[in-house]
Amino acid sequence: MSITLTPETEAMLYERAEQTGEDPNALAEVMLRQRLEWDRKDYEEAVNGIRKGFEDSDAGRVKSAQEVHARLRASLEKHRVEQSVPA
């Protein structure tokens, strides 16, 4: 497989490879693999979070929008007051 890079990206890759003393091709391989692994993990975490939300909803562990907004407003107001009081 070959990948076409924009001139800007290629320049960044060569600059980084020069800084680290690594082969640009090996560096590109490592960086691409790390990004793909991060994307996979991020996707799995999102799916698991959504599943947990559905499970919580099915089990009745939910709050109304009004309750959530009231808690957020109270929390924001508390932080606003704490920041305005001199230490």
N, C-alpha and C. Protein backbone atom coordinates (compact mmCIF):
# COMPACT_ATOMS: atom_id res chain seq x y z
N MET A 1 0.85 -1.18 0.00
CA MET A 1 0.00 0.00 0.00
C MET A 1 0.89 1.23 0.00
N SER A 2 0.45 2.22 -0.71
CA SER A 2 1.15 3.50 -0.65
C SER A 2 0.11 4.57 -0.33
N ILE A 3 0.58 5.58 0.37
CA ILE A 3 -0.30 6.67 0.79
C ILE A 3 0.27 7.96 0.25
N THR A 4 -0.59 8.77 -0.33
CA THR A 4 -0.17 10.07 -0.84
C THR A 4 -0.40 11.12 0.23
N LEU A 5 0.66 11.83 0.55
CA LEU A 5 0.59 12.88 1.56
C LEU A 5 0.61 14.24 0.87
N THR A 6 -0.02 15.21 1.50
CA THR A 6 0.11 16.57 1.00
C THR A 6 1.55 17.01 1.24
N PRO A 7 2.03 17.97 0.48
CA PRO A 7 3.41 18.45 0.71
C PRO A 7 3.61 18.94 2.15
N GLU A 8 2.59 19.57 2.72
CA GLU A 8 2.71 20.06 4.09
C GLU A 8 2.85 18.91 5.09
N THR A 9 2.04 17.88 4.92
CA THR A 9 2.12 16.72 5.82
C THR A 9 3.44 16.00 5.65
N GLU A 10 3.87 15.85 4.42
CA GLU A 10 5.15 15.18 4.17
C GLU A 10 6.30 15.96 4.81
N ALA A 11 6.27 17.28 4.71
CA ALA A 11 7.31 18.10 5.33
C ALA A 11 7.29 17.93 6.85
N MET A 12 6.09 17.89 7.43
CA MET A 12 5.98 17.69 8.88
C MET A 12 6.55 16.33 9.29
N LEU A 13 6.25 15.31 8.50
CA LEU A 13 6.75 13.97 8.79
C LEU A 13 8.28 13.93 8.73
N TYR A 14 8.85 14.51 7.69
CA TYR A 14 10.30 14.52 7.57
C TYR A 14 10.95 15.34 8.68
N GLU A 15 10.32 16.43 9.05
CA GLU A 15 10.85 17.25 10.14
C GLU A 15 10.85 16.47 11.45
N ARG A 16 9.76 15.79 11.72
CA ARG A 16 9.67 14.99 12.95
C ARG A 16 10.67 13.84 12.93
N ALA A 17 10.80 13.20 11.79
CA ALA A 17 11.75 12.09 11.66
C ALA A 17 13.18 12.58 11.90
N GLU A 18 13.49 13.75 11.38
CA GLU A 18 14.82 14.32 11.60
C GLU A 18 15.05 14.63 13.08
N GLN A 19 14.02 15.17 13.74
CA GLN A 19 14.13 15.51 15.16
C GLN A 19 14.37 14.28 16.02
N THR A 20 13.71 13.18 15.67
CA THR A 20 13.79 11.96 16.49
C THR A 20 14.83 10.97 16.00
N GLY A 21 15.38 11.21 14.81
CA GLY A 21 16.37 10.28 14.28
C GLY A 21 15.75 9.00 13.75
N GLU A 22 14.45 9.04 13.49
CA GLU A 22 13.77 7.84 13.00
C GLU A 22 13.64 7.87 11.48
N ASP A 23 13.46 6.69 10.92
CA ASP A 23 13.18 6.57 9.50
C ASP A 23 11.77 7.11 9.24
N PRO A 24 11.59 7.98 8.27
CA PRO A 24 10.27 8.56 8.02
C PRO A 24 9.17 7.52 7.76
N ASN A 25 9.51 6.45 7.04
CA ASN A 25 8.51 5.41 6.77
C ASN A 25 8.11 4.67 8.04
N ALA A 26 9.10 4.35 8.87
CA ALA A 26 8.81 3.67 10.13
C ALA A 26 8.00 4.58 11.05
N LEU A 27 8.36 5.87 11.07
CA LEU A 27 7.64 6.83 11.90
C LEU A 27 6.19 6.95 11.45
N ALA A 28 5.98 7.03 10.14
CA ALA A 28 4.61 7.12 9.61
C ALA A 28 3.81 5.89 10.00
N GLU A 29 4.43 4.72 9.93
CA GLU A 29 3.75 3.46 10.31
C GLU A 29 3.32 3.50 11.77
N VAL A 30 4.23 3.91 12.64
CA VAL A 30 3.93 3.96 14.08
C VAL A 30 2.82 4.97 14.35
N MET A 31 2.93 6.14 13.75
CA MET A 31 1.94 7.19 14.01
C MET A 31 0.56 6.79 13.49
N LEU A 32 0.51 6.19 12.31
CA LEU A 32 -0.78 5.75 11.76
C LEU A 32 -1.38 4.65 12.62
N ARG A 33 -0.56 3.69 13.06
CA ARG A 33 -1.06 2.61 13.91
C ARG A 33 -1.60 3.16 15.23
N GLN A 34 -0.88 4.11 15.84
CA GLN A 34 -1.34 4.70 17.09
C GLN A 34 -2.68 5.41 16.90
N ARG A 35 -2.83 6.14 15.81
CA ARG A 35 -4.08 6.84 15.56
C ARG A 35 -5.23 5.87 15.34
N LEU A 36 -4.98 4.79 14.59
CA LEU A 36 -6.03 3.80 14.35
C LEU A 36 -6.42 3.10 15.65
N GLU A 37 -5.44 2.80 16.50
CA GLU A 37 -5.75 2.19 17.79
C GLU A 37 -6.54 3.14 18.67
N TRP A 38 -6.18 4.42 18.66
CA TRP A 38 -6.91 5.43 19.43
C TRP A 38 -8.35 5.52 18.93
N ASP A 39 -8.53 5.56 17.59
CA ASP A 39 -9.88 5.63 17.02
C ASP A 39 -10.72 4.42 17.43
N ARG A 40 -10.12 3.23 17.39
CA ARG A 40 -10.84 2.01 17.77
C ARG A 40 -11.26 2.07 19.23
N LYS A 41 -10.34 2.48 20.09
CA LYS A 41 -10.65 2.58 21.52
C LYS A 41 -11.72 3.63 21.77
N ASP A 42 -11.61 4.78 21.12
CA ASP A 42 -12.59 5.85 21.27
C ASP A 42 -13.98 5.37 20.85
N TYR A 43 -14.05 4.65 19.73
CA TYR A 43 -15.32 4.11 19.24
C TYR A 43 -15.91 3.13 20.26
N GLU A 44 -15.08 2.22 20.75
CA GLU A 44 -15.56 1.23 21.73
C GLU A 44 -16.07 1.91 23.00
N GLU A 45 -15.37 2.94 23.47
CA GLU A 45 -15.81 3.66 24.67
C GLU A 45 -17.14 4.36 24.42
N ALA A 46 -17.31 4.92 23.24
CA ALA A 46 -18.57 5.59 22.91
C ALA A 46 -19.72 4.59 22.88
N VAL A 47 -19.51 3.47 22.21
CA VAL A 47 -20.55 2.44 22.13
C VAL A 47 -20.89 1.92 23.52
N ASN A 48 -19.89 1.66 24.34
CA ASN A 48 -20.14 1.17 25.71
C ASN A 48 -20.89 2.21 26.53
N GLY A 49 -20.56 3.48 26.36
CA GLY A 49 -21.28 4.54 27.08
C GLY A 49 -22.74 4.61 26.67
N ILE A 50 -22.99 4.46 25.38
CA ILE A 50 -24.38 4.46 24.90
C ILE A 50 -25.13 3.25 25.42
N ARG A 51 -24.49 2.08 25.39
CA ARG A 51 -25.14 0.87 25.94
C ARG A 51 -25.49 1.06 27.41
N LYS A 52 -24.54 1.62 28.18
CA LYS A 52 -24.79 1.84 29.60
C LYS A 52 -25.96 2.80 29.79
N GLY A 53 -26.02 3.82 28.95
CA GLY A 53 -27.14 4.75 29.02
C GLY A 53 -28.47 4.06 28.77
N PHE A 54 -28.51 3.19 27.79
CA PHE A 54 -29.74 2.44 27.52
C PHE A 54 -30.08 1.51 28.69
N GLU A 55 -29.05 0.86 29.25
CA GLU A 55 -29.28 -0.02 30.40
C GLU A 55 -29.83 0.78 31.58
N ASP A 56 -29.24 1.95 31.84
CA ASP A 56 -29.72 2.80 32.93
C ASP A 56 -31.16 3.22 32.68
N SER A 57 -31.46 3.58 31.45
CA SER A 57 -32.82 3.99 31.11
C SER A 57 -33.80 2.84 31.30
N ASP A 58 -33.44 1.67 30.81
CA ASP A 58 -34.30 0.49 30.95
C ASP A 58 -34.53 0.12 32.41
N ALA A 59 -33.52 0.38 33.25
CA ALA A 59 -33.62 0.05 34.68
C ALA A 59 -34.27 1.18 35.48
N GLY A 60 -34.64 2.27 34.81
CA GLY A 60 -35.29 3.37 35.52
C GLY A 60 -34.33 4.31 36.21
N ARG A 61 -33.03 4.19 35.90
CA ARG A 61 -32.03 5.09 36.51
C ARG A 61 -31.87 6.32 35.63
N VAL A 62 -32.91 7.13 35.63
CA VAL A 62 -32.90 8.34 34.79
C VAL A 62 -33.41 9.52 35.60
N LYS A 63 -33.11 10.71 35.11
CA LYS A 63 -33.61 11.94 35.72
C LYS A 63 -34.27 12.76 34.61
N SER A 64 -35.23 13.56 34.99
CA SER A 64 -35.90 14.40 34.01
C SER A 64 -34.95 15.52 33.58
N ALA A 65 -35.23 16.11 32.44
CA ALA A 65 -34.42 17.23 31.96
C ALA A 65 -34.46 18.37 32.97
N GLN A 66 -35.62 18.60 33.58
CA GLN A 66 -35.74 19.67 34.56
C GLN A 66 -34.81 19.43 35.75
N GLU A 67 -34.73 18.18 36.23
CA GLU A 67 -33.85 17.86 37.35
C GLU A 67 -32.38 18.10 36.97
N VAL A 68 -32.02 17.67 35.78
CA VAL A 68 -30.64 17.83 35.33
C VAL A 68 -30.29 19.31 35.20
N HIS A 69 -31.18 20.07 34.59
CA HIS A 69 -30.93 21.51 34.44
C HIS A 69 -30.83 22.20 35.80
N ALA A 70 -31.69 21.83 36.74
CA ALA A 70 -31.65 22.44 38.07
C ALA A 70 -30.31 22.13 38.75
N ARG A 71 -29.84 20.89 38.65
CA ARG A 71 -28.56 20.53 39.25
C ARG A 71 -27.41 21.28 38.60
N LEU A 72 -27.46 21.39 37.27
CA LEU A 72 -26.40 22.12 36.57
C LEU A 72 -26.39 23.59 36.95
N ARG A 73 -27.58 24.19 37.00
CA ARG A 73 -27.65 25.60 37.40
C ARG A 73 -27.11 25.80 38.80
N ALA A 74 -27.48 24.94 39.73
CA ALA A 74 -27.01 25.06 41.11
C ALA A 74 -25.49 24.90 41.17
N SER A 75 -24.97 23.94 40.42
CA SER A 75 -23.53 23.71 40.41
C SER A 75 -22.78 24.90 39.81
N LEU A 76 -23.29 25.43 38.71
CA LEU A 76 -22.66 26.59 38.09
C LEU A 76 -22.70 27.80 39.02
N GLU A 77 -23.83 28.01 39.67
CA GLU A 77 -23.96 29.14 40.59
C GLU A 77 -22.99 28.99 41.76
N LYS A 78 -22.85 27.77 42.27
CA LYS A 78 -21.93 27.52 43.38
C LYS A 78 -20.51 27.87 42.97
N HIS A 79 -20.10 27.44 41.78
CA HIS A 79 -18.75 27.74 41.31
C HIS A 79 -18.56 29.22 41.05
N ARG A 80 -19.59 29.86 40.56
CA ARG A 80 -19.53 31.30 40.30
C ARG A 80 -19.32 32.05 41.61
N VAL A 81 -20.04 31.65 42.66
CA VAL A 81 -19.92 32.30 43.97
C VAL A 81 -18.54 32.02 44.55
N GLU A 82 -18.05 30.77 44.45
CA GLU A 82 -16.75 30.43 45.00
C GLU A 82 -15.64 31.22 44.32
N GLN A 83 -15.77 31.48 43.04
CA GLN A 83 -14.74 32.22 42.32
C GLN A 83 -14.77 33.70 42.61
N SER A 84 -15.93 34.22 43.01
CA SER A 84 -16.03 35.64 43.27
C SER A 84 -15.64 36.02 44.69
N VAL A 85 -15.53 35.03 45.58
CA VAL A 85 -15.16 35.32 46.97
C VAL A 85 -13.63 35.37 47.07
N PRO A 86 -13.07 36.51 47.54
CA PRO A 86 -11.61 36.59 47.68
C PRO A 86 -11.09 35.62 48.73
N ALA A 87 -9.93 35.08 48.47
CA ALA A 87 -9.33 34.10 49.39
C ALA A 87 -8.70 34.76 50.58
